[in-house]
């Protein structure tokens, strides 16, 4: 199976903005975060196919995962 991962803001540093990742069955969102060496506490928004939710959601072929760090501004 293959998913697309989209990274935003500081998560792009040293990583591709968009990447295809081959995954096994029973892979969950948290597995992708670990694979990318991102600490779960650093993720402010985690979307699966445009929807927010828990990090233990099961991934399917063709899914799109979007990861956002906390964003500050003034």
Protein backbone atom coordinates (compact mmCIF):
# COMPACT_ATOMS: atom_id res chain seq x y z
CA UNK A 1 0.00 0.00 0.00
CA UNK A 2 1.07 3.58 -0.54
CA UNK A 3 0.06 6.83 1.16
CA UNK A 4 0.96 10.47 0.61
CA UNK A 5 2.38 12.49 3.49
CA UNK A 6 2.27 16.29 3.40
CA UNK A 7 4.39 18.23 5.86
CA UNK A 8 3.95 21.87 6.80
CA UNK A 9 6.03 24.67 8.36
CA UNK A 10 9.00 23.46 10.42
CA UNK A 11 8.29 19.80 9.64
CA UNK A 12 9.61 20.47 6.13
CA UNK A 13 13.12 21.24 7.44
CA UNK A 14 15.32 18.39 6.25
CA UNK A 15 12.34 16.53 4.80
CA UNK A 16 10.34 16.56 1.59
CA UNK A 17 7.24 18.78 1.48
CA UNK A 18 5.23 15.93 -0.09
CA UNK A 19 6.24 12.31 -0.21
CA UNK A 20 4.84 8.92 -1.06
CA UNK A 21 5.46 6.24 1.55
CA UNK A 22 4.90 2.53 1.16
CA UNK A 23 3.20 1.06 4.23
CA UNK A 24 2.13 -2.33 5.49
CA UNK A 25 -1.39 -3.27 6.49
CA UNK A 26 -2.27 -2.32 10.07
CA UNK A 27 -0.18 0.87 9.90
CA UNK A 28 -1.60 3.71 11.99
CA UNK A 29 -0.98 7.47 11.90
CA UNK A 30 1.36 7.30 14.88
CA UNK A 31 3.58 4.87 12.93
CA UNK A 32 4.07 7.51 10.21
CA UNK A 33 5.02 10.16 12.76
CA UNK A 34 7.59 7.79 14.25
CA UNK A 35 8.88 6.83 10.80
CA UNK A 36 9.51 10.52 10.05
CA UNK A 37 11.26 10.92 13.42
CA UNK A 38 8.73 13.49 14.64
CA UNK A 39 7.77 13.53 18.32
CA UNK A 40 4.00 13.11 18.72
CA UNK A 41 3.91 16.07 21.15
CA UNK A 42 5.29 18.29 18.35
CA UNK A 43 2.24 17.63 16.15
CA UNK A 44 -0.50 20.22 16.65
CA UNK A 45 -2.75 19.09 13.80
CA UNK A 46 -2.83 15.66 12.20
CA UNK A 47 -5.24 15.19 9.32
CA UNK A 48 -6.19 11.98 7.57
CA UNK A 49 -7.83 12.76 4.23
CA UNK A 50 -8.57 16.28 5.49
CA UNK A 51 -10.15 15.21 8.79
CA UNK A 52 -8.77 15.62 12.29
CA UNK A 53 -8.85 12.74 14.75
CA UNK A 54 -6.92 10.25 16.86
CA UNK A 55 -3.36 9.13 16.12
CA UNK A 56 -4.38 5.45 16.23
CA UNK A 57 -6.47 5.57 13.04
CA UNK A 58 -5.70 2.79 10.57
CA UNK A 59 -4.32 3.86 7.19
CA UNK A 60 -5.51 2.58 3.80
CA UNK A 61 -3.98 2.63 0.35
CA UNK A 62 -4.20 6.10 -1.18
CA UNK A 63 -4.73 7.97 2.10
CA UNK A 64 -3.32 11.47 2.53
CA UNK A 65 -1.74 12.38 5.86
CA UNK A 66 -1.08 16.06 6.66
CA UNK A 67 1.03 17.06 9.66
CA UNK A 68 1.24 20.58 11.13
CA UNK A 69 3.40 21.78 14.04
CA UNK A 70 2.16 24.48 16.42
CA UNK A 71 2.15 27.82 14.63
CA UNK A 72 2.86 31.08 16.41
CA UNK A 73 2.22 34.54 15.21
CA UNK A 74 1.64 38.03 16.27
